[in-house]
């Protein structure tokens, strides 16, 4: 958990999901994860070690643009959710979403006096800044964007769609990023940046 709270959460598909409707929703990890998430270094080197085999999350929009996330996770030994269980969660999700929103809004209001609001940084900005500070490597904005998408499990084609660029351009940026960081794979990228995030 400390590794997750310390920075790995930035690669979590539930954290990265940005298409939550106004009333919130219930999502299964497999529905919102990038196309190659389950073969990504994040999944293989971190998520799989949690021994979770399935995850369903409630995502509830909050005032100010943040989103609350309540996870319902299943360990390997319990097996994936069955249809009956998913239908039950879907049936109760409107009430659960409302309770989650009320709870989080109450907590936000209660602690607003005690904390300074801080603009959340984009993953690519963090990667760029940390690569420069810790590794002495200067990446372009597009290279940091590609690195962030690769860490989330996006393929070159999927990253190209997200960024609105060609597949070939995406491939070139990825190759340049790897060259600058002196690595050759997604696994090495994750290992290199894991402690920086």
Foldseek 3Di string as FASTA:
>chain_A
DCLCVVPLVLLQQVQVDDPADQAWDKAKSVVRAAPQQCVFLSCVVPVVVVQWDIKMWTWHAEPPGDIDIDIDTHGNVVDYDDPVRVVVCRVCVSVVNVVRRVVVVVVCVVCVVPDDDDDDDRQLVLVQVLCCVPVVFHADSLLSLLLSCSNSGHDLCRSCVVVVHDSVVSVVSPVVSCVRVVHDDSNVSCVVCSVSD
